[in-house]
Amino acid sequence: MSSGFKHLPRGNGVNGNEEVANWHTIGLFHEAETLWNNGIKQNAVFLAEALKNCPTVESVVLLNTTHVANTNQLPWDLERWLTVTFDDAKDKVDVLIELGGQIDANATAYLKERCARLISYCCGFEYVQAMASILFKRPTFGDNLFVNQRYDDI
């Protein structure tokens, strides 16, 4: 929904010694979905609010990783929590925190070619499942599930 926003963060902090444009993933299931329907989206919002107070963070944006359109029907303050699609953001991302939605292998490769940093943020059920697999020596997340392994940090 780039037409609805005057500007997106420029995204040159990682490579250019400037402030960082920080992006957090969320996954929308419908065009009027609330941020408050699950803990993952709440984690994304609370992390965004905390990072907005860091002097080296230029901006924080929520990045919708699903094919659901970002519209003005989203029931939150889009000035406070700017929300865009991957296609709108991909050339401006410095740091992407995979939190409430995951990007695919092609999107990951695109960001890596741009030298963007990818952070895996595990919380809630995903965190518990990962810990159980380590403690009990079980396969993590199953055989048919894509779990991005090209992260720079956890």
N, C-alpha and C. Protein backbone atom coordinates (compact mmCIF):
# COMPACT_ATOMS: atom_id res chain seq x y z
N MET A 1 0.83 -1.18 0.00
CA MET A 1 0.00 0.00 0.00
C MET A 1 0.87 1.24 0.00
N SER A 2 1.87 1.25 -0.81
CA SER A 2 2.80 2.37 -0.80
C SER A 2 2.14 3.68 -1.19
N SER A 3 1.05 3.63 -1.92
CA SER A 3 0.39 4.87 -2.33
C SER A 3 -0.21 5.61 -1.14
N GLY A 4 -0.47 4.93 -0.04
CA GLY A 4 -1.07 5.57 1.11
C GLY A 4 -0.08 6.20 2.06
N PHE A 5 1.20 6.04 1.82
CA PHE A 5 2.20 6.55 2.75
C PHE A 5 3.12 7.54 2.04
N LYS A 6 3.40 8.63 2.71
CA LYS A 6 4.22 9.69 2.12
C LYS A 6 5.67 9.26 1.93
N HIS A 7 6.20 8.51 2.88
CA HIS A 7 7.60 8.08 2.74
C HIS A 7 7.82 6.82 3.54
N LEU A 8 8.73 6.02 3.07
CA LEU A 8 9.19 4.86 3.81
C LEU A 8 10.62 5.14 4.23
N PRO A 9 11.08 4.55 5.32
CA PRO A 9 12.47 4.75 5.73
C PRO A 9 13.43 4.39 4.60
N ARG A 10 14.52 5.12 4.51
CA ARG A 10 15.41 4.96 3.36
C ARG A 10 16.24 3.70 3.41
N GLY A 11 16.58 3.19 4.56
CA GLY A 11 17.25 1.91 4.66
C GLY A 11 18.68 1.88 4.18
N ASN A 12 19.56 2.58 4.84
CA ASN A 12 20.98 2.49 4.48
C ASN A 12 21.87 2.45 5.71
N GLY A 13 21.32 2.11 6.84
CA GLY A 13 22.09 2.12 8.07
C GLY A 13 23.11 1.01 8.20
N VAL A 14 22.81 -0.17 7.73
CA VAL A 14 23.74 -1.28 7.89
C VAL A 14 25.00 -1.06 7.08
N ASN A 15 24.85 -0.59 5.87
CA ASN A 15 26.01 -0.42 5.00
C ASN A 15 26.58 0.99 5.02
N GLY A 16 25.85 1.95 5.55
CA GLY A 16 26.27 3.33 5.42
C GLY A 16 26.54 4.08 6.71
N ASN A 17 26.73 3.42 7.83
CA ASN A 17 27.03 4.07 9.11
C ASN A 17 26.02 5.13 9.49
N GLU A 18 24.79 4.97 9.10
CA GLU A 18 23.74 5.89 9.49
C GLU A 18 22.75 5.16 10.37
N GLU A 19 21.68 5.83 10.72
CA GLU A 19 20.67 5.19 11.54
C GLU A 19 20.01 4.04 10.79
N VAL A 20 19.54 3.07 11.52
CA VAL A 20 19.01 1.84 10.95
C VAL A 20 17.50 1.92 10.77
N ALA A 21 17.03 1.46 9.61
CA ALA A 21 15.60 1.27 9.38
C ALA A 21 15.28 -0.16 9.80
N ASN A 22 14.45 -0.31 10.81
CA ASN A 22 14.18 -1.60 11.44
C ASN A 22 12.77 -2.05 11.07
N TRP A 23 12.63 -3.30 10.65
CA TRP A 23 11.35 -3.83 10.18
C TRP A 23 11.01 -5.09 10.96
N HIS A 24 9.74 -5.23 11.35
CA HIS A 24 9.25 -6.41 12.08
C HIS A 24 8.16 -7.07 11.28
N THR A 25 8.19 -8.39 11.20
CA THR A 25 7.18 -9.08 10.41
C THR A 25 5.93 -9.38 11.24
N ILE A 26 4.80 -9.26 10.58
CA ILE A 26 3.52 -9.72 11.11
C ILE A 26 2.82 -10.45 9.97
N GLY A 27 1.85 -11.27 10.30
CA GLY A 27 1.08 -11.97 9.27
C GLY A 27 -0.39 -11.64 9.43
N LEU A 28 -0.96 -10.98 8.43
CA LEU A 28 -2.38 -10.63 8.47
C LEU A 28 -3.20 -11.72 7.80
N PHE A 29 -4.38 -11.99 8.37
CA PHE A 29 -5.28 -12.98 7.79
C PHE A 29 -6.48 -12.35 7.10
N HIS A 30 -6.77 -11.08 7.42
CA HIS A 30 -7.80 -10.35 6.69
C HIS A 30 -7.52 -8.86 6.78
N GLU A 31 -8.14 -8.09 5.88
CA GLU A 31 -7.80 -6.67 5.71
C GLU A 31 -8.17 -5.77 6.88
N ALA A 32 -9.02 -6.23 7.77
CA ALA A 32 -9.41 -5.40 8.91
C ALA A 32 -9.00 -6.05 10.23
N GLU A 33 -7.95 -6.84 10.20
CA GLU A 33 -7.51 -7.59 11.38
C GLU A 33 -6.90 -6.67 12.43
N THR A 34 -7.19 -6.95 13.67
CA THR A 34 -6.64 -6.17 14.77
C THR A 34 -5.22 -6.63 15.11
N LEU A 35 -4.47 -5.75 15.71
CA LEU A 35 -3.14 -6.12 16.22
C LEU A 35 -3.24 -6.90 17.52
N TRP A 36 -4.39 -6.86 18.14
CA TRP A 36 -4.51 -7.38 19.50
C TRP A 36 -5.15 -8.76 19.55
N ASN A 37 -5.21 -9.48 18.42
CA ASN A 37 -5.86 -10.79 18.43
C ASN A 37 -4.93 -11.92 18.83
N ASN A 38 -3.63 -11.67 18.90
CA ASN A 38 -2.72 -12.71 19.39
C ASN A 38 -1.45 -12.09 19.96
N GLY A 39 -0.73 -12.88 20.70
CA GLY A 39 0.46 -12.40 21.39
C GLY A 39 1.62 -12.06 20.47
N ILE A 40 1.71 -12.72 19.32
CA ILE A 40 2.82 -12.45 18.40
C ILE A 40 2.74 -11.02 17.89
N LYS A 41 1.56 -10.59 17.45
CA LYS A 41 1.42 -9.21 16.97
C LYS A 41 1.68 -8.23 18.11
N GLN A 42 1.24 -8.57 19.31
CA GLN A 42 1.51 -7.70 20.46
C GLN A 42 3.01 -7.60 20.72
N ASN A 43 3.73 -8.72 20.62
CA ASN A 43 5.18 -8.69 20.76
C ASN A 43 5.80 -7.76 19.71
N ALA A 44 5.32 -7.83 18.48
CA ALA A 44 5.85 -6.98 17.41
C ALA A 44 5.64 -5.50 17.74
N VAL A 45 4.46 -5.16 18.21
CA VAL A 45 4.15 -3.77 18.54
C VAL A 45 4.98 -3.29 19.73
N PHE A 46 5.09 -4.10 20.76
CA PHE A 46 5.85 -3.68 21.94
C PHE A 46 7.34 -3.55 21.61
N LEU A 47 7.87 -4.46 20.80
CA LEU A 47 9.27 -4.34 20.37
C LEU A 47 9.46 -3.09 19.52
N ALA A 48 8.51 -2.82 18.63
CA ALA A 48 8.58 -1.62 17.80
C ALA A 48 8.61 -0.36 18.67
N GLU A 49 7.75 -0.32 19.67
CA GLU A 49 7.72 0.84 20.56
C GLU A 49 9.04 1.01 21.30
N ALA A 50 9.62 -0.09 21.75
CA ALA A 50 10.90 -0.01 22.47
C ALA A 50 12.01 0.47 21.54
N LEU A 51 12.07 -0.07 20.32
CA LEU A 51 13.13 0.30 19.39
C LEU A 51 13.02 1.74 18.90
N LYS A 52 11.81 2.28 18.89
CA LYS A 52 11.64 3.69 18.49
C LYS A 52 12.39 4.62 19.43
N ASN A 53 12.69 4.16 20.63
CA ASN A 53 13.40 4.99 21.61
C ASN A 53 14.91 4.82 21.56
N CYS A 54 15.41 4.00 20.66
CA CYS A 54 16.86 3.81 20.52
C CYS A 54 17.43 4.88 19.59
N PRO A 55 18.50 5.54 19.99
CA PRO A 55 19.03 6.64 19.19
C PRO A 55 19.57 6.23 17.82
N THR A 56 19.95 4.98 17.63
CA THR A 56 20.48 4.55 16.34
C THR A 56 19.43 3.94 15.43
N VAL A 57 18.18 3.93 15.87
CA VAL A 57 17.10 3.39 15.05
C VAL A 57 16.34 4.55 14.43
N GLU A 58 16.46 4.67 13.11
CA GLU A 58 15.79 5.75 12.38
C GLU A 58 14.29 5.55 12.38
N SER A 59 13.86 4.32 12.15
CA SER A 59 12.44 4.05 12.01
C SER A 59 12.16 2.59 12.28
N VAL A 60 10.91 2.33 12.61
CA VAL A 60 10.44 0.97 12.84
C VAL A 60 9.15 0.80 12.05
N VAL A 61 9.08 -0.26 11.26
CA VAL A 61 7.93 -0.50 10.39
C VAL A 61 7.48 -1.94 10.55
N LEU A 62 6.17 -2.17 10.55
CA LEU A 62 5.63 -3.52 10.54
C LEU A 62 5.52 -3.98 9.09
N LEU A 63 6.01 -5.17 8.82
CA LEU A 63 6.02 -5.70 7.46
C LEU A 63 5.08 -6.91 7.40
N ASN A 64 4.02 -6.79 6.63
CA ASN A 64 3.05 -7.87 6.46
C ASN A 64 3.61 -8.90 5.48
N THR A 65 3.75 -10.14 5.93
CA THR A 65 4.36 -11.18 5.10
C THR A 65 3.33 -12.03 4.35
N THR A 66 2.05 -11.75 4.51
CA THR A 66 1.03 -12.54 3.81
C THR A 66 0.58 -11.80 2.55
N HIS A 67 -0.30 -12.43 1.80
CA HIS A 67 -0.83 -11.82 0.58
C HIS A 67 -2.07 -10.98 0.84
N VAL A 68 -2.44 -10.81 2.10
CA VAL A 68 -3.57 -9.96 2.45
C VAL A 68 -3.15 -8.51 2.22
N ALA A 69 -4.01 -7.77 1.54
CA ALA A 69 -3.70 -6.37 1.21
C ALA A 69 -3.66 -5.51 2.47
N ASN A 70 -2.71 -4.58 2.49
CA ASN A 70 -2.67 -3.56 3.54
C ASN A 70 -3.58 -2.43 3.09
N THR A 71 -4.62 -2.18 3.85
CA THR A 71 -5.57 -1.14 3.47
C THR A 71 -5.82 -0.21 4.65
N ASN A 72 -6.57 0.83 4.41
CA ASN A 72 -6.95 1.74 5.49
C ASN A 72 -7.97 1.11 6.43
N GLN A 73 -8.41 -0.12 6.13
CA GLN A 73 -9.32 -0.83 7.03
C GLN A 73 -8.60 -1.37 8.26
N LEU A 74 -7.27 -1.42 8.22
CA LEU A 74 -6.54 -1.90 9.39
C LEU A 74 -6.90 -1.00 10.57
N PRO A 75 -7.35 -1.60 11.67
CA PRO A 75 -7.91 -0.80 12.77
C PRO A 75 -6.88 -0.29 13.77
N TRP A 76 -5.69 0.06 13.30
CA TRP A 76 -4.72 0.67 14.19
C TRP A 76 -4.17 1.93 13.55
N ASP A 77 -3.50 2.72 14.34
CA ASP A 77 -2.95 3.99 13.90
C ASP A 77 -1.77 3.72 12.96
N LEU A 78 -2.00 3.89 11.66
CA LEU A 78 -0.97 3.60 10.67
C LEU A 78 0.15 4.64 10.66
N GLU A 79 -0.07 5.77 11.27
CA GLU A 79 1.02 6.74 11.45
C GLU A 79 1.96 6.26 12.55
N ARG A 80 1.38 5.69 13.59
CA ARG A 80 2.19 5.19 14.71
C ARG A 80 2.87 3.88 14.35
N TRP A 81 2.12 2.96 13.74
CA TRP A 81 2.66 1.65 13.37
C TRP A 81 2.49 1.45 11.87
N LEU A 82 3.36 2.11 11.12
CA LEU A 82 3.36 1.99 9.67
C LEU A 82 3.43 0.51 9.30
N THR A 83 2.56 0.08 8.39
CA THR A 83 2.48 -1.33 7.99
C THR A 83 2.53 -1.41 6.48
N VAL A 84 3.48 -2.17 5.95
CA VAL A 84 3.68 -2.27 4.51
C VAL A 84 3.88 -3.73 4.10
N THR A 85 3.89 -3.98 2.80
CA THR A 85 4.15 -5.31 2.28
C THR A 85 5.65 -5.49 2.04
N PHE A 86 6.06 -6.73 1.84
CA PHE A 86 7.46 -7.00 1.55
C PHE A 86 7.89 -6.28 0.27
N ASP A 87 7.07 -6.33 -0.76
CA ASP A 87 7.43 -5.68 -2.03
C ASP A 87 7.65 -4.19 -1.86
N ASP A 88 6.86 -3.55 -1.00
CA ASP A 88 7.04 -2.12 -0.75
C ASP A 88 8.30 -1.83 0.06
N ALA A 89 8.75 -2.80 0.84
CA ALA A 89 9.84 -2.57 1.78
C ALA A 89 11.19 -3.12 1.34
N LYS A 90 11.22 -4.07 0.45
CA LYS A 90 12.41 -4.89 0.22
C LYS A 90 13.67 -4.11 -0.12
N ASP A 91 13.56 -2.95 -0.71
CA ASP A 91 14.75 -2.18 -1.06
C ASP A 91 15.15 -1.18 0.02
N LYS A 92 14.44 -1.18 1.13
CA LYS A 92 14.71 -0.22 2.19
C LYS A 92 15.08 -0.88 3.52
N VAL A 93 15.03 -2.19 3.57
CA VAL A 93 15.26 -2.92 4.83
C VAL A 93 16.75 -2.94 5.17
N ASP A 94 17.08 -2.53 6.39
CA ASP A 94 18.42 -2.71 6.95
C ASP A 94 18.43 -3.96 7.83
N VAL A 95 17.46 -4.03 8.73
CA VAL A 95 17.35 -5.14 9.67
C VAL A 95 15.91 -5.62 9.63
N LEU A 96 15.72 -6.91 9.39
CA LEU A 96 14.39 -7.50 9.41
C LEU A 96 14.33 -8.49 10.56
N ILE A 97 13.39 -8.27 11.46
CA ILE A 97 13.20 -9.18 12.58
C ILE A 97 12.00 -10.06 12.24
N GLU A 98 12.27 -11.33 11.96
CA GLU A 98 11.18 -12.27 11.69
C GLU A 98 10.52 -12.62 13.01
N LEU A 99 9.30 -12.16 13.16
CA LEU A 99 8.61 -12.32 14.42
C LEU A 99 7.24 -12.93 14.21
N GLY A 100 6.33 -12.17 13.64
CA GLY A 100 4.96 -12.64 13.50
C GLY A 100 4.64 -13.18 12.13
N GLY A 101 5.60 -13.28 11.27
CA GLY A 101 5.42 -13.82 9.93
C GLY A 101 6.80 -14.08 9.36
N GLN A 102 6.90 -15.07 8.53
CA GLN A 102 8.20 -15.44 8.00
C GLN A 102 8.28 -15.13 6.51
N ILE A 103 9.43 -14.66 6.08
CA ILE A 103 9.64 -14.47 4.65
C ILE A 103 10.14 -15.78 4.06
N ASP A 104 9.96 -15.95 2.76
CA ASP A 104 10.36 -17.20 2.12
C ASP A 104 11.83 -17.16 1.69
N ALA A 105 12.29 -18.26 1.11
CA ALA A 105 13.70 -18.38 0.71
C ALA A 105 14.09 -17.34 -0.33
N ASN A 106 13.21 -17.03 -1.28
CA ASN A 106 13.52 -16.03 -2.31
C ASN A 106 13.65 -14.64 -1.71
N ALA A 107 12.74 -14.29 -0.81
CA ALA A 107 12.80 -12.98 -0.16
C ALA A 107 14.06 -12.88 0.71
N THR A 108 14.40 -13.98 1.37
CA THR A 108 15.63 -14.00 2.18
C THR A 108 16.85 -13.77 1.30
N ALA A 109 16.91 -14.47 0.17
CA ALA A 109 18.05 -14.31 -0.75
C ALA A 109 18.15 -12.87 -1.24
N TYR A 110 17.01 -12.25 -1.53
CA TYR A 110 17.00 -10.86 -2.01
C TYR A 110 17.59 -9.94 -0.94
N LEU A 111 17.15 -10.11 0.30
CA LEU A 111 17.67 -9.26 1.38
C LEU A 111 19.16 -9.51 1.61
N LYS A 112 19.57 -10.75 1.55
CA LYS A 112 20.99 -11.08 1.75
C LYS A 112 21.86 -10.45 0.66
N GLU A 113 21.36 -10.42 -0.57
CA GLU A 113 22.11 -9.76 -1.65
C GLU A 113 22.28 -8.27 -1.38
N ARG A 114 21.34 -7.68 -0.67
CA ARG A 114 21.41 -6.26 -0.31
C ARG A 114 22.21 -6.04 0.98
N CYS A 115 22.70 -7.11 1.59
CA CYS A 115 23.44 -7.05 2.86
C CYS A 115 22.57 -6.62 4.03
N ALA A 116 21.27 -6.84 3.93
CA ALA A 116 20.38 -6.60 5.06
C ALA A 116 20.61 -7.69 6.10
N ARG A 117 20.34 -7.38 7.34
CA ARG A 117 20.48 -8.34 8.43
C ARG A 117 19.13 -8.97 8.73
N LEU A 118 19.13 -10.25 9.02
CA LEU A 118 17.92 -11.00 9.33
C LEU A 118 18.04 -11.57 10.73
N ILE A 119 17.06 -11.26 11.56
CA ILE A 119 17.06 -11.73 12.94
C ILE A 119 15.84 -12.61 13.16
N SER A 120 16.06 -13.76 13.76
CA SER A 120 14.97 -14.67 14.11
C SER A 120 14.57 -14.38 15.55
N TYR A 121 13.32 -14.02 15.75
CA TYR A 121 12.80 -13.72 17.08
C TYR A 121 11.79 -14.81 17.42
N CYS A 122 12.18 -15.71 18.28
CA CYS A 122 11.30 -16.81 18.68
C CYS A 122 10.65 -16.47 20.02
N CYS A 123 9.34 -16.63 20.07
CA CYS A 123 8.63 -16.39 21.32
C CYS A 123 7.37 -17.25 21.34
N GLY A 124 6.75 -17.33 22.48
CA GLY A 124 5.51 -18.08 22.59
C GLY A 124 5.70 -19.55 22.28
N PHE A 125 4.72 -20.11 21.57
CA PHE A 125 4.72 -21.53 21.25
C PHE A 125 5.96 -21.95 20.47
N GLU A 126 6.38 -21.12 19.52
CA GLU A 126 7.56 -21.46 18.71
C GLU A 126 8.79 -21.64 19.60
N TYR A 127 8.95 -20.77 20.58
CA TYR A 127 10.08 -20.86 21.51
C TYR A 127 9.99 -22.14 22.33
N VAL A 128 8.81 -22.43 22.86
CA VAL A 128 8.62 -23.63 23.68
C VAL A 128 8.88 -24.88 22.85
N GLN A 129 8.39 -24.91 21.62
CA GLN A 129 8.59 -26.07 20.74
C GLN A 129 10.08 -26.27 20.44
N ALA A 130 10.80 -25.18 20.18
CA ALA A 130 12.23 -25.28 19.91
C ALA A 130 12.99 -25.80 21.13
N MET A 131 12.64 -25.30 22.31
CA MET A 131 13.31 -25.75 23.53
C MET A 131 13.03 -27.23 23.79
N ALA A 132 11.79 -27.67 23.57
CA ALA A 132 11.45 -29.08 23.78
C ALA A 132 12.23 -29.97 22.82
N SER A 133 12.41 -29.53 21.59
CA SER A 133 13.16 -30.35 20.63
C SER A 133 14.63 -30.48 21.04
N ILE A 134 15.18 -29.43 21.63
CA ILE A 134 16.56 -29.48 22.09
C ILE A 134 16.68 -30.36 23.33
N LEU A 135 15.79 -30.15 24.29
CA LEU A 135 15.85 -30.91 25.54
C LEU A 135 15.62 -32.40 25.34
N PHE A 136 14.70 -32.74 24.45
CA PHE A 136 14.33 -34.15 24.27
C PHE A 136 14.86 -34.76 22.98
N LYS A 137 15.80 -34.04 22.33
CA LYS A 137 16.46 -34.52 21.11
C LYS A 137 15.47 -34.99 20.05
N ARG A 138 14.47 -34.13 19.79
CA ARG A 138 13.47 -34.40 18.77
C ARG A 138 13.68 -33.46 17.59
N PRO A 139 13.18 -33.84 16.41
CA PRO A 139 13.30 -32.93 15.26
C PRO A 139 12.61 -31.60 15.54
N THR A 140 13.23 -30.54 15.11
CA THR A 140 12.67 -29.21 15.32
C THR A 140 11.68 -28.88 14.22
N PHE A 141 10.46 -28.54 14.57
CA PHE A 141 9.44 -28.00 13.68
C PHE A 141 8.93 -28.96 12.61
N GLY A 142 9.34 -30.19 12.55
CA GLY A 142 8.83 -31.13 11.56
C GLY A 142 9.60 -31.08 10.26
N ASP A 143 9.35 -32.06 9.41
CA ASP A 143 10.11 -32.21 8.17
C ASP A 143 9.61 -31.33 7.03
N ASN A 144 8.34 -30.98 7.00
CA ASN A 144 7.77 -30.28 5.86
C ASN A 144 7.57 -28.78 6.09
N LEU A 145 8.11 -28.26 7.15
CA LEU A 145 7.93 -26.85 7.48
C LEU A 145 9.20 -26.08 7.15
N PHE A 146 9.05 -24.96 6.42
CA PHE A 146 10.20 -24.12 6.11
C PHE A 146 10.53 -23.27 7.33
N VAL A 147 11.72 -23.42 7.85
CA VAL A 147 12.22 -22.57 8.92
C VAL A 147 13.48 -21.92 8.39
N ASN A 148 13.45 -20.61 8.30
CA ASN A 148 14.55 -19.86 7.72
C ASN A 148 15.83 -20.09 8.52
N GLN A 149 16.87 -20.55 7.86
CA GLN A 149 18.14 -20.81 8.53
C GLN A 149 19.20 -19.75 8.20
N ARG A 150 18.84 -18.75 7.41
CA ARG A 150 19.84 -17.77 6.96
C ARG A 150 19.81 -16.50 7.81
N TYR A 151 19.50 -16.62 9.06
CA TYR A 151 19.45 -15.46 9.94
C TYR A 151 20.86 -15.07 10.37
N ASP A 152 21.00 -13.81 10.76
CA ASP A 152 22.28 -13.30 11.25
C ASP A 152 22.37 -13.35 12.76
N ASP A 153 21.22 -13.38 13.41
CA ASP A 153 21.20 -13.40 14.87
C ASP A 153 19.86 -13.93 15.34
N ILE A 154 19.84 -14.37 16.59
CA ILE A 154 18.60 -14.85 17.21
C ILE A 154 18.29 -13.98 18.40
